[in-house]
Amino acid sequence: MKIAVRAGLAVAAAAALVVSISACSPGGSGGASGGGNFLRVGATAVVDSLNPFVSDSDYSSVMYQYIYPHLTEYDENLEIVPSFAESWESSEDGTTWTFHTVKDAKWSDGEALDAEDVAFTANLILEYADGPTGILAGWVAHLDNAKATDANTVVFTYDAPVANVLTQVQALHILPEHIWAPKATGDGLDLTSFDNAPPIVSGGPFTLESYKKDQMMMYKTNPNWYGKAPEIEGWGLQFFANDDAMVSALKSGQVDMVGLTTPPTAVEKLKADGMTVQTGQSVSIKNVIINTNPEKTSHRELLNPEVRKALEYGIDRNEIVEQTYLGNAEPGSTLLAPISGFKNESLPGLPFDIEAGNKILDDLGYLPGDDGIRVADGEKMAYELVFPTAESGSGDRAFQTMQRGWEKLGIKVEQRKMDSDAAWDAITAPDNKYLDFDIAMWNWAPPYEPDFILSTLTCDSLGGNSDSGYCNPKYDELYKAQGTELDAAKRQEIINEMQQIIFDDRPYIVYAYPNVIEAFNPAWDGFVLSPLVGSINNLSTQTLTGVYRVEK
């Protein structure tokens, strides 16, 4: 999902809050050994909501992974394994899936947790898919209905065979019916207005006990959790204003682990300070977004794919990888990262070639004015680039590289920084019509299964997850086809064709696949690195049920 990060506390306030989170933990105050058996995690990416029908940030999704049950999850080898569903089978035609759930499970408040909750959640999303539950509708694509045939059996019936049922249900947060059913009345708008404030009724390994927006979250173990009991008593998530403050807190012993946004520039210093640093490939993409809505009101030259191609020629990916990420990234090209296993490897990004870019623009008749800036249809090719502050740091340096390249093409681009909410509003303005913006920079940290990130460029995603205004009926046909193609090789062929379309149309120019970088105090162990967000992720409960303190 898009990392919808917002600027958090000022540095001074963040430092004060570290004392708060340490004091609230079972082990007392800070220091290298101060957290007891309570893990303190630092991050700069915040939680945007506690409501799964509203939130879009990665750490919101991480929260749901640990407080709500899921029928399946991933293991350390990125294979789907049982979770709340102990086993399952499908019909020969692939349209009926039967899941057998854990017996005698309970929610944290003591209410029964069973197949009825699974059926309720799936049917709830289906019922309001065109409205309040739309953000999660992808996880029930092609589902006709879900029915609990007994307390421990739920049957999903689909209108067509679905290629990715087991990965869909991995992302389907099972909600407590006794909490959410009263909200599911009328137009369903109470579903999105519900604040879901802590303590949240949980069916996962932890319960969220307290939350201060953009500041901190405190979790404790759930004694009613049906799975492997965590080694820790609980954990806290501390939000910092910037990477430097977060890294300093780790080095001083005020937090035990940092992830997701650990800056490449900090890696060698953290190692020198005795911290354990883990890096690995990521499914994340860093991309330039170009408004391709044919109704956009200005700079309509950007609707020409050749102009977008010229912009790509102006991006020096190798410089970005080497100087911005210090080698902790790969040059980007397509919508899907190599680690996903679905990347179209026949599509490398265009080389940095100012001569080729200038030739395209010259041939289009967009010639430089006296100030060196090209003119297209009477309008200077000078653009504001929407830049969410969450991309600051490495994003700033990447932009500076691009800005220099584009200047050599006779194109002037200035950064317009704003928080993530404002950036999203600027991209979709006015009223989800995508009329105003020209160019933006952002990223996606999508699920491991490619269906979601592919869906963000469909016509149906306009007004939802779309951040480009892109709509191509041919692409949409292929998106629907890949979702129901059960033959893996044939599905890959379809997905390759979809990547080719996006590569040629360029609503996105993917410039980098950044590595996951995280670091932790060697007094802790058991972190299982994942290509999505890092060890503490929305793919699995493995890390926080297995992490343990080496020092006693």
Protein backbone atom coordinates (compact mmCIF):
# COMPACT_ATOMS: atom_id res chain seq x y z
CA MET A 1 0.00 0.00 0.00
CA LYS A 2 1.08 3.56 -0.47
CA ILE A 3 3.06 4.72 2.50
CA ALA A 4 0.75 7.51 3.59
CA VAL A 5 3.22 8.95 6.04
CA ARG A 6 2.64 12.29 7.70
CA ALA A 7 5.04 14.50 9.54
CA GLY A 8 4.93 13.56 13.19
CA LEU A 9 6.27 15.29 16.22
CA ALA A 10 8.84 17.97 16.38
CA VAL A 11 12.20 16.53 17.39
CA ALA A 12 11.95 17.85 20.94
CA ALA A 13 8.49 16.41 21.40
CA ALA A 14 9.67 13.10 19.95
CA ALA A 15 12.50 12.94 22.45
CA ALA A 16 10.08 13.61 25.29
CA LEU A 17 7.80 10.88 24.06
CA VAL A 18 10.61 8.31 24.11
CA VAL A 19 10.72 8.81 27.86
CA SER A 20 6.95 8.30 27.88
CA ILE A 21 7.00 5.05 25.94
CA SER A 22 9.87 3.70 28.03
CA ALA A 23 8.10 4.61 31.24
CA CYS A 24 4.92 2.91 30.08
CA SER A 25 6.71 -0.31 29.17
CA PRO A 26 6.87 -3.13 31.72
CA GLY A 27 10.63 -2.75 32.07
CA GLY A 28 10.57 0.87 33.19
CA SER A 29 12.86 3.63 31.91
CA GLY A 30 15.22 3.72 28.92
CA GLY A 31 18.84 2.77 28.42
CA ALA A 32 20.27 -0.12 26.42
CA SER A 33 18.59 -2.69 28.65
CA GLY A 34 15.73 -0.55 29.86
CA GLY A 35 12.79 -2.09 28.02
CA GLY A 36 12.61 -5.37 29.97
CA ASN A 37 10.68 -7.86 27.85
CA PHE A 38 8.88 -5.06 26.04
CA LEU A 39 10.08 -4.27 22.52
CA ARG A 40 10.30 -0.57 21.61
CA VAL A 41 10.14 0.15 17.88
CA GLY A 42 10.90 3.46 16.19
CA ALA A 43 9.38 4.62 12.90
CA THR A 44 8.79 7.78 10.91
CA ALA A 45 5.80 6.32 9.03
CA VAL A 46 2.66 6.93 11.05
CA VAL A 47 -0.69 5.19 11.45
CA ASP A 48 -3.34 7.20 9.63
CA SER A 49 -6.41 5.53 11.20
CA LEU A 50 -7.45 2.65 13.45
CA ASN A 51 -10.40 1.92 11.17
CA PRO A 52 -9.65 -0.67 8.44
CA PHE A 53 -12.25 0.89 6.13
CA VAL A 54 -10.46 4.24 6.24
CA SER A 55 -6.75 3.65 6.73
CA ASP A 56 -4.20 3.44 3.94
CA SER A 57 -0.82 3.50 5.72
CA ASP A 58 1.47 0.54 6.10
CA TYR A 59 1.66 0.65 9.87
CA SER A 60 -2.14 0.65 10.04
CA SER A 61 -2.04 -2.56 8.02
CA VAL A 62 0.69 -3.91 10.32
CA MET A 63 -1.58 -3.19 13.28
CA TYR A 64 -4.42 -5.20 11.73
CA GLN A 65 -2.06 -8.10 11.07
CA TYR A 66 -1.35 -8.34 14.80
CA ILE A 67 -4.76 -7.57 16.29
CA TYR A 68 -7.12 -9.31 13.86
CA PRO A 69 -7.17 -12.94 12.73
CA HIS A 70 -6.45 -13.89 9.11
CA LEU A 71 -7.26 -17.19 7.49
CA THR A 72 -3.72 -17.53 6.12
CA GLU A 73 -0.37 -15.80 6.41
CA TYR A 74 3.12 -16.00 4.90
CA ASP A 75 6.05 -17.86 6.43
CA GLU A 76 9.73 -16.91 6.31
CA ASN A 77 10.00 -18.39 2.80
CA LEU A 78 7.06 -16.30 1.58
CA GLU A 79 4.87 -19.37 1.26
CA ILE A 80 1.22 -19.27 2.33
CA VAL A 81 0.62 -21.25 5.53
CA PRO A 82 -2.39 -21.79 7.83
CA SER A 83 -3.35 -19.22 10.45
CA PHE A 84 -6.97 -18.97 11.68
CA ALA A 85 -7.79 -21.51 8.95
CA GLU A 86 -6.10 -24.75 9.93
CA SER A 87 -6.84 -26.32 6.54
CA TRP A 88 -8.82 -25.72 3.35
CA GLU A 89 -9.86 -27.30 0.10
CA SER A 90 -11.33 -26.07 -3.16
CA SER A 91 -13.80 -27.55 -5.62
CA GLU A 92 -12.51 -28.99 -8.88
CA ASP A 93 -13.70 -25.94 -10.83
CA GLY A 94 -12.05 -23.54 -8.36
CA THR A 95 -15.23 -21.63 -7.53
CA THR A 96 -15.83 -22.99 -4.02
CA TRP A 97 -13.30 -22.78 -1.21
CA THR A 98 -13.94 -24.33 2.19
CA PHE A 99 -11.89 -23.19 5.19
CA HIS A 100 -11.73 -25.07 8.51
CA THR A 101 -11.00 -22.67 11.36
CA VAL A 102 -9.41 -23.04 14.79
CA LYS A 103 -11.81 -24.54 17.33
CA ASP A 104 -12.78 -22.88 20.61
CA ALA A 105 -11.07 -19.58 19.73
CA LYS A 106 -12.06 -16.39 21.55
CA TRP A 107 -11.78 -12.67 21.04
CA SER A 108 -9.86 -10.73 23.66
CA ASP A 109 -13.16 -9.80 25.38
CA GLY A 110 -14.08 -13.48 25.76
CA GLU A 111 -16.67 -13.64 22.97
CA ALA A 112 -16.51 -16.63 20.61
CA LEU A 113 -14.27 -16.17 17.56
CA ASP A 114 -15.43 -18.52 14.83
CA ALA A 115 -16.44 -19.02 11.21
CA GLU A 116 -19.42 -16.70 11.65
CA ASP A 117 -17.01 -13.77 12.09
CA VAL A 118 -15.24 -14.75 8.86
CA ALA A 119 -18.49 -14.93 6.89
CA PHE A 120 -19.72 -11.68 8.43
CA THR A 121 -16.55 -9.80 7.44
CA ALA A 122 -16.49 -11.03 3.84
CA ASN A 123 -20.20 -10.40 3.30
CA LEU A 124 -19.96 -6.98 4.94
CA ILE A 125 -17.27 -5.90 2.49
CA LEU A 126 -19.31 -7.27 -0.39
CA GLU A 127 -22.47 -5.47 0.68
CA TYR A 128 -20.88 -2.03 0.82
CA ALA A 129 -18.12 -2.55 -1.78
CA ASP A 130 -19.29 0.42 -3.86
CA GLY A 131 -19.16 2.69 -0.83
CA PRO A 132 -17.78 2.51 2.70
CA THR A 133 -15.91 -0.80 2.38
CA GLY A 134 -14.54 -0.15 -1.10
CA ILE A 135 -10.94 0.20 0.09
CA LEU A 136 -10.94 -3.52 0.99
CA ALA A 137 -13.12 -4.76 -1.88
CA GLY A 138 -10.14 -6.17 -3.78
CA TRP A 139 -9.75 -8.89 -1.16
CA VAL A 140 -13.20 -10.29 -2.02
CA ALA A 141 -12.96 -9.91 -5.82
CA HIS A 142 -15.27 -12.35 -7.63
CA LEU A 143 -16.74 -13.53 -4.33
CA ASP A 144 -20.49 -14.22 -4.48
CA ASN A 145 -20.98 -14.94 -0.81
CA ALA A 146 -19.44 -16.44 2.30
CA LYS A 147 -21.37 -18.84 4.52
CA ALA A 148 -20.53 -20.39 7.88
CA THR A 149 -21.87 -23.95 7.68
CA ASP A 150 -20.89 -24.55 11.30
CA ALA A 151 -18.80 -22.80 13.97
CA ASN A 152 -15.54 -23.98 12.41
CA THR A 153 -16.31 -24.12 8.69
CA VAL A 154 -16.76 -21.25 6.28
CA VAL A 155 -17.45 -21.64 2.55
CA PHE A 156 -16.48 -18.96 0.02
CA THR A 157 -18.38 -19.20 -3.28
CA TYR A 158 -16.97 -17.31 -6.29
CA ASP A 159 -18.52 -16.36 -9.62
CA ALA A 160 -15.38 -17.57 -11.40
CA PRO A 161 -12.17 -19.40 -10.52
CA VAL A 162 -9.81 -16.99 -8.76
CA ALA A 163 -6.04 -17.21 -9.11
CA ASN A 164 -5.11 -15.77 -5.74
CA VAL A 165 -7.71 -16.82 -3.15
CA LEU A 166 -5.16 -17.81 -0.50
CA THR A 167 -3.33 -14.49 -0.81
CA GLN A 168 -6.60 -12.56 -0.83
CA VAL A 169 -7.67 -14.07 2.49
CA GLN A 170 -4.21 -13.39 3.93
CA ALA A 171 -5.06 -9.69 3.62
CA LEU A 172 -8.67 -10.05 4.79
CA HIS A 173 -8.87 -8.76 8.38
CA ILE A 174 -11.46 -10.82 10.23
CA LEU A 175 -13.53 -8.42 12.31
CA PRO A 176 -15.55 -9.20 15.47
CA GLU A 177 -19.17 -9.35 14.36
CA HIS A 178 -20.46 -8.28 17.77
CA ILE A 179 -18.50 -5.02 17.50
CA TRP A 180 -19.01 -4.16 13.83
CA ALA A 181 -22.51 -5.47 13.03
CA PRO A 182 -24.25 -2.52 14.77
CA LYS A 183 -22.36 -0.18 12.40
CA ALA A 184 -23.52 -2.06 9.29
CA THR A 185 -26.92 -0.49 8.83
CA GLY A 186 -28.50 1.74 6.21
CA ASP A 187 -25.92 3.29 3.91
CA GLY A 188 -23.10 1.86 6.01
CA LEU A 189 -21.47 5.22 6.67
CA ASP A 190 -21.17 4.37 10.37
CA LEU A 191 -18.55 1.85 9.31
CA THR A 192 -16.18 4.61 8.27
CA SER A 193 -17.05 7.04 11.07
CA PHE A 194 -16.37 4.44 13.80
CA ASP A 195 -13.12 5.44 15.54
CA ASN A 196 -12.33 1.88 16.74
CA ALA A 197 -10.57 3.39 19.73
CA PRO A 198 -8.42 1.27 22.07
CA PRO A 199 -8.58 -1.03 23.79
CA ILE A 200 -9.56 -2.71 20.53
CA VAL A 201 -11.23 -6.11 20.72
CA SER A 202 -8.55 -8.38 19.30
CA GLY A 203 -8.28 -11.89 17.90
CA GLY A 204 -4.58 -11.64 17.08
CA PRO A 205 -1.49 -12.10 19.25
CA PHE A 206 -1.66 -8.56 20.68
CA THR A 207 -4.23 -6.02 21.77
CA LEU A 208 -3.81 -2.30 21.16
CA GLU A 209 -4.06 -0.72 24.59
CA SER A 210 -3.32 2.94 23.90
CA TYR A 211 -2.73 5.26 20.99
CA LYS A 212 -1.71 8.90 20.61
CA LYS A 213 -2.08 9.97 17.01
CA ASP A 214 1.24 10.59 15.26
CA GLN A 215 3.02 9.88 18.54
CA MET A 216 2.87 6.37 19.93
CA MET A 217 1.03 3.04 20.20
CA MET A 218 1.23 0.49 23.02
CA TYR A 219 0.38 -3.20 22.61
CA LYS A 220 0.21 -6.04 25.10
CA THR A 221 -0.12 -9.76 24.52
CA ASN A 222 -3.59 -11.18 24.04
CA PRO A 223 -4.11 -14.12 26.44
CA ASN A 224 -6.91 -15.45 24.20
CA TRP A 225 -4.72 -15.65 21.07
CA TYR A 226 -5.14 -19.06 19.47
CA GLY A 227 -1.60 -19.27 18.03
CA LYS A 228 1.97 -19.42 19.31
CA ALA A 229 2.32 -17.27 22.41
CA PRO A 230 4.69 -14.31 21.92
CA GLU A 231 8.02 -14.31 23.77
CA ILE A 232 7.53 -10.64 24.68
CA GLU A 233 5.04 -9.05 27.06
CA GLY A 234 4.17 -6.36 24.57
CA TRP A 235 5.60 -3.79 22.22
CA GLY A 236 5.40 -0.09 21.53
CA LEU A 237 5.59 1.90 18.33
CA GLN A 238 7.17 5.36 18.60
CA PHE A 239 6.75 7.84 15.74
CA PHE A 240 9.58 10.30 15.05
CA ALA A 241 9.62 13.52 13.12
CA ASN A 242 12.51 12.43 10.92
CA ASP A 243 15.00 9.66 10.24
CA ASP A 244 17.84 11.34 12.17
CA ALA A 245 15.82 11.52 15.39
CA MET A 246 14.75 7.89 14.99
CA VAL A 247 18.31 6.64 14.39
CA SER A 248 19.62 8.69 17.34
CA ALA A 249 17.01 7.08 19.59
CA LEU A 250 18.23 3.62 18.59
CA LYS A 251 21.88 4.48 19.19
CA SER A 252 21.11 5.96 22.62
CA GLY A 253 19.09 2.91 23.68
CA GLN A 254 15.78 4.75 23.83
CA VAL A 255 14.27 2.33 21.31
CA ASP A 256 15.31 -1.22 20.47
CA MET A 257 14.62 -1.43 16.77
CA VAL A 258 13.99 0.84 13.77
CA GLY A 259 12.58 -0.20 10.44
CA LEU A 260 10.93 0.80 7.19
CA THR A 261 12.52 4.21 6.77
CA THR A 262 16.02 3.58 8.11
CA PRO A 263 18.11 5.84 5.84
CA PRO A 264 20.92 4.30 3.75
CA THR A 265 23.26 7.03 5.00
CA ALA A 266 22.95 5.66 8.54
CA VAL A 267 23.89 2.05 7.79
CA GLU A 268 27.66 2.17 8.30
CA LYS A 269 27.43 4.37 11.39
CA LEU A 270 24.86 2.05 12.97
CA LYS A 271 27.11 -0.93 12.32
CA ALA A 272 30.06 0.95 13.83
CA ASP A 273 27.94 1.66 16.91
CA GLY A 274 27.35 -2.05 17.38
CA MET A 275 23.81 -2.27 16.01
CA THR A 276 22.65 -5.19 13.90
CA VAL A 277 21.62 -4.03 10.44
CA GLN A 278 19.54 -6.16 8.08
CA THR A 279 18.97 -5.34 4.42
CA GLY A 280 17.20 -7.15 1.64
CA GLN A 281 15.21 -6.71 -1.53
CA SER A 282 11.83 -5.05 -1.25
CA VAL A 283 8.57 -5.06 -3.17
CA SER A 284 8.50 -1.26 -2.79
CA ILE A 285 8.72 0.99 -5.82
CA LYS A 286 9.75 4.63 -5.99
CA ASN A 287 8.04 6.40 -8.82
CA VAL A 288 7.40 9.63 -10.65
CA ILE A 289 3.67 10.02 -11.29
CA ILE A 290 2.44 11.90 -14.36
CA ASN A 291 -1.16 13.01 -14.67
CA THR A 292 -2.61 11.13 -17.64
CA ASN A 293 -6.22 12.20 -17.20
CA PRO A 294 -7.32 13.40 -20.68
CA GLU A 295 -9.54 16.01 -18.99
CA LYS A 296 -6.65 17.77 -17.21
CA THR A 297 -6.89 21.51 -17.64
CA SER A 298 -3.31 22.66 -18.23
CA HIS A 299 0.04 21.38 -19.55
CA ARG A 300 -1.78 19.02 -21.82
CA GLU A 301 1.50 18.19 -23.55
CA LEU A 302 2.02 15.74 -20.70
CA LEU A 303 -0.80 13.64 -22.16
CA ASN A 304 1.55 12.75 -25.02
CA PRO A 305 3.40 9.51 -24.17
CA GLU A 306 6.41 10.79 -26.13
CA VAL A 307 6.78 13.73 -23.72
CA ARG A 308 6.63 11.31 -20.81
CA LYS A 309 9.26 9.19 -22.57
CA ALA A 310 11.51 12.24 -22.86
CA LEU A 311 11.11 12.83 -19.12
CA GLU A 312 12.29 9.28 -18.46
CA TYR A 313 15.38 9.84 -20.61
CA GLY A 314 16.19 12.72 -18.24
CA ILE A 315 16.36 10.47 -15.14
CA ASP A 316 19.77 9.10 -14.19
CA ARG A 317 18.73 5.98 -12.30
CA ASN A 318 22.30 4.81 -11.73
CA GLU A 319 23.21 8.08 -10.03
CA ILE A 320 20.12 7.79 -7.81
CA VAL A 321 21.00 4.21 -6.79
CA GLU A 322 24.66 5.02 -6.15
CA GLN A 323 24.44 8.47 -4.57
CA THR A 324 20.97 8.55 -3.00
CA TYR A 325 20.70 4.94 -1.84
CA LEU A 326 24.44 4.18 -1.59
CA GLY A 327 23.83 0.94 -3.44
CA ASN A 328 20.87 -0.11 -1.26
CA ALA A 329 18.47 -0.15 -4.21
CA GLU A 330 18.13 -1.36 -7.78
CA PRO A 331 17.30 0.80 -10.80
CA GLY A 332 13.53 0.67 -11.37
CA SER A 333 11.60 0.04 -14.56
CA THR A 334 8.25 -1.71 -14.20
CA LEU A 335 5.37 -1.69 -11.75
CA LEU A 336 6.50 -4.92 -10.07
CA ALA A 337 9.79 -5.28 -8.23
CA PRO A 338 12.12 -8.22 -9.00
CA ILE A 339 11.58 -9.84 -5.57
CA SER A 340 7.86 -10.17 -6.31
CA GLY A 341 8.58 -12.90 -8.86
CA PHE A 342 6.20 -11.22 -11.31
CA LYS A 343 8.44 -8.56 -12.87
CA ASN A 344 8.59 -8.44 -16.65
CA GLU A 345 12.34 -8.86 -16.98
CA SER A 346 12.29 -7.88 -20.65
CA LEU A 347 11.64 -4.25 -19.65
CA PRO A 348 14.70 -2.42 -18.34
CA GLY A 349 14.22 1.27 -17.71
CA LEU A 350 15.30 3.68 -20.43
CA PRO A 351 18.92 4.80 -20.13
CA PHE A 352 19.88 8.30 -19.03
CA ASP A 353 20.12 9.91 -22.48
CA ILE A 354 19.75 13.68 -22.72
CA GLU A 355 20.37 13.63 -26.47
CA ALA A 356 17.48 11.19 -27.04
CA GLY A 357 15.16 13.19 -24.80
CA ASN A 358 16.00 16.46 -26.54
CA LYS A 359 15.43 14.90 -29.96
CA ILE A 360 11.91 13.80 -28.98
CA LEU A 361 11.02 17.27 -27.79
CA ASP A 362 12.62 18.97 -30.80
CA ASP A 363 10.72 16.70 -33.17
CA LEU A 364 7.47 17.63 -31.42
CA GLY A 365 8.26 21.30 -32.07
CA TYR A 366 8.59 22.16 -28.38
CA LEU A 367 11.54 24.53 -28.69
CA PRO A 368 13.38 26.45 -25.94
CA GLY A 369 12.53 30.08 -25.28
CA ASP A 370 15.06 32.79 -24.44
CA ASP A 371 15.27 31.50 -20.87
CA GLY A 372 16.09 27.96 -22.04
CA ILE A 373 12.70 26.56 -21.02
CA ARG A 374 10.82 24.80 -23.79
CA VAL A 375 7.41 26.02 -24.89
CA ALA A 376 4.60 23.59 -25.70
CA ASP A 377 1.44 24.93 -27.33
CA GLY A 378 2.20 28.43 -26.08
CA GLU A 379 2.87 27.35 -22.50
CA LYS A 380 6.26 26.96 -20.82
CA MET A 381 7.19 23.42 -19.88
CA ALA A 382 7.59 24.44 -16.25
CA TYR A 383 5.89 22.23 -13.67
CA GLU A 384 5.30 21.94 -9.96
CA LEU A 385 6.02 18.49 -8.63
CA VAL A 386 3.79 17.37 -5.75
CA PHE A 387 6.13 15.97 -3.12
CA PRO A 388 4.84 14.45 0.15
CA THR A 389 7.12 15.21 3.09
CA ALA A 390 7.20 11.47 3.82
CA GLU A 391 9.57 11.19 0.84
CA SER A 392 12.03 13.68 2.33
CA GLY A 393 15.65 12.64 2.63
CA SER A 394 16.33 10.08 -0.08
CA GLY A 395 13.40 11.46 -2.07
CA ASP A 396 14.89 14.96 -1.98
CA ARG A 397 18.21 13.69 -3.30
CA ALA A 398 16.51 11.65 -6.01
CA PHE A 399 14.48 14.68 -7.05
CA GLN A 400 17.61 16.84 -7.30
CA THR A 401 19.13 14.31 -9.69
CA MET A 402 15.98 14.36 -11.81
CA GLN A 403 15.72 18.13 -11.69
CA ARG A 404 19.23 18.48 -13.11
CA GLY A 405 18.47 16.02 -15.90
CA TRP A 406 15.18 17.66 -16.81
CA GLU A 407 16.86 21.08 -16.87
CA LYS A 408 19.16 19.71 -19.58
CA LEU A 409 16.03 18.85 -21.55
CA GLY A 410 14.75 22.43 -21.25
CA ILE A 411 12.13 21.43 -18.69
CA LYS A 412 11.85 23.27 -15.39
CA VAL A 413 10.46 21.32 -12.41
CA GLU A 414 10.11 22.75 -8.91
CA GLN A 415 9.34 20.78 -5.77
CA ARG A 416 6.11 21.55 -3.92
CA LYS A 417 6.36 19.92 -0.50
CA MET A 418 3.32 19.13 1.62
CA ASP A 419 2.17 16.51 4.07
CA SER A 420 0.74 13.28 2.72
CA ASP A 421 -2.90 14.22 3.16
CA ALA A 422 -2.36 17.50 1.32
CA ALA A 423 -0.36 15.72 -1.40
CA TRP A 424 -3.17 13.24 -1.96
CA ASP A 425 -5.68 16.08 -2.13
CA ALA A 426 -3.49 17.94 -4.63
CA ILE A 427 -3.22 14.86 -6.86
CA THR A 428 -6.93 14.05 -6.85
CA ALA A 429 -8.24 17.63 -6.92
CA PRO A 430 -10.83 18.79 -7.46
CA ASP A 431 -13.21 16.20 -5.98
CA ASN A 432 -11.32 13.13 -7.26
CA LYS A 433 -11.27 14.46 -10.83
CA TYR A 434 -7.44 14.62 -11.25
CA LEU A 435 -7.61 17.89 -13.17
CA ASP A 436 -4.95 20.09 -11.60
CA PHE A 437 -1.66 18.33 -10.89
CA ASP A 438 1.06 17.66 -13.46
CA ILE A 439 3.78 15.57 -11.84
CA ALA A 440 4.31 13.99 -8.42
CA MET A 441 6.72 11.70 -6.61
CA TRP A 442 5.66 8.99 -4.20
CA ASN A 443 6.01 5.28 -3.65
CA TRP A 444 4.09 2.07 -3.20
CA ALA A 445 4.91 -0.67 -0.71
CA PRO A 446 2.34 -3.08 -2.13
CA PRO A 447 1.38 -6.56 -0.93
CA TYR A 448 3.60 -9.38 -2.12
CA GLU A 449 0.80 -10.69 -4.38
CA PRO A 450 0.63 -8.35 -7.40
CA ASP A 451 -3.14 -8.01 -7.75
CA PHE A 452 -3.38 -4.91 -5.56
CA ILE A 453 -0.68 -2.81 -7.21
CA LEU A 454 -2.01 -3.82 -10.63
CA SER A 455 -5.48 -2.67 -9.56
CA THR A 456 -4.32 0.87 -8.73
CA LEU A 457 -4.06 1.70 -12.44
CA THR A 458 -7.50 0.45 -13.46
CA CYS A 459 -10.33 2.77 -14.40
CA ASP A 460 -12.27 1.48 -11.38
CA SER A 461 -9.53 2.80 -9.07
CA LEU A 462 -10.24 6.43 -10.05
CA GLY A 463 -11.46 8.20 -6.94
CA GLY A 464 -10.05 5.35 -4.87
CA ASN A 465 -6.44 4.16 -4.95
CA SER A 466 -5.53 5.84 -8.23
CA ASP A 467 -2.88 8.54 -7.97
CA SER A 468 -2.37 9.15 -11.69
CA GLY A 469 -5.77 9.68 -13.32
CA TYR A 470 -4.86 6.80 -15.65
CA CYS A 471 -7.57 4.78 -17.42
CA ASN A 472 -7.05 2.27 -20.22
CA PRO A 473 -9.85 -0.21 -21.05
CA LYS A 474 -7.36 -2.67 -22.56
CA TYR A 475 -5.39 -2.70 -19.32
CA ASP A 476 -8.63 -3.24 -17.38
CA GLU A 477 -9.52 -6.26 -19.52
CA LEU A 478 -6.14 -7.78 -18.75
CA TYR A 479 -6.49 -7.00 -15.05
CA LYS A 480 -9.74 -8.94 -14.91
CA ALA A 481 -8.23 -11.79 -16.90
CA GLN A 482 -5.20 -12.23 -14.63
CA GLY A 483 -7.46 -12.46 -11.59
CA THR A 484 -9.20 -15.57 -12.87
CA GLU A 485 -6.33 -17.28 -14.75
CA LEU A 486 -5.38 -20.38 -12.74
CA ASP A 487 -2.46 -21.42 -14.92
CA ALA A 488 0.57 -19.67 -13.37
CA ALA A 489 2.50 -19.35 -16.63
CA LYS A 490 -0.49 -17.92 -18.49
CA ARG A 491 -1.20 -15.52 -15.65
CA GLN A 492 2.41 -14.33 -15.82
CA GLU A 493 2.02 -13.68 -19.56
CA ILE A 494 -1.01 -11.49 -18.86
CA ILE A 495 0.77 -9.61 -16.08
CA ASN A 496 3.78 -9.10 -18.35
CA GLU A 497 1.51 -7.53 -20.97
CA MET A 498 0.01 -5.24 -18.32
CA GLN A 499 3.49 -4.11 -17.29
CA GLN A 500 4.33 -3.45 -20.94
CA ILE A 501 1.27 -1.21 -21.29
CA ILE A 502 2.16 0.83 -18.21
CA PHE A 503 5.79 1.01 -19.28
CA ASP A 504 4.78 2.37 -22.71
CA ASP A 505 2.03 4.71 -21.45
CA ARG A 506 4.14 5.95 -18.50
CA PRO A 507 1.59 7.14 -15.96
CA TYR A 508 4.42 5.97 -13.69
CA ILE A 509 8.14 6.18 -14.23
CA VAL A 510 9.53 3.73 -11.70
CA TYR A 511 13.02 4.97 -10.91
CA ALA A 512 14.12 2.69 -8.05
CA TYR A 513 13.40 -0.46 -6.09
CA PRO A 514 14.76 0.46 -2.63
CA ASN A 515 15.96 -2.23 -0.27
CA VAL A 516 14.39 -2.86 3.10
CA ILE A 517 16.80 -1.54 5.72
CA GLU A 518 16.25 -2.05 9.42
CA ALA A 519 18.44 -2.05 12.50
CA PHE A 520 18.13 -3.30 16.05
CA ASN A 521 20.02 -3.55 19.31
CA PRO A 522 21.86 -6.90 19.46
CA ALA A 523 20.24 -7.45 22.85
CA TRP A 524 17.30 -8.64 20.71
CA ASP A 525 16.95 -11.42 18.15
CA GLY A 526 14.29 -13.29 16.18
CA PHE A 527 13.51 -10.65 13.56
CA VAL A 528 12.38 -12.25 10.28
CA LEU A 529 13.13 -9.85 7.43
CA SER A 530 10.37 -9.43 4.85
CA PRO A 531 10.32 -7.66 1.46
CA LEU A 532 7.31 -5.65 2.65
CA VAL A 533 8.02 -3.00 5.31
CA GLY A 534 10.62 -5.24 6.99
CA SER A 535 10.38 -7.65 9.91
CA ILE A 536 7.31 -6.07 11.47
CA ASN A 537 4.95 -6.30 8.53
CA ASN A 538 1.44 -7.07 7.33
CA LEU A 539 2.33 -10.43 5.82
CA SER A 540 2.88 -12.50 8.92
CA THR A 541 2.78 -12.59 12.73
CA GLN A 542 6.15 -14.33 12.78
CA THR A 543 8.47 -11.61 14.01
CA LEU A 544 6.48 -10.31 16.96
CA THR A 545 5.51 -13.80 18.13
CA GLY A 546 9.11 -15.00 17.80
CA VAL A 547 11.29 -12.01 18.70
CA TYR A 548 13.04 -12.39 22.05
CA ARG A 549 15.45 -10.62 24.34
CA VAL A 550 18.95 -12.09 24.39
CA GLU A 551 19.91 -10.28 27.59
CA LYS A 552 17.90 -11.31 30.66
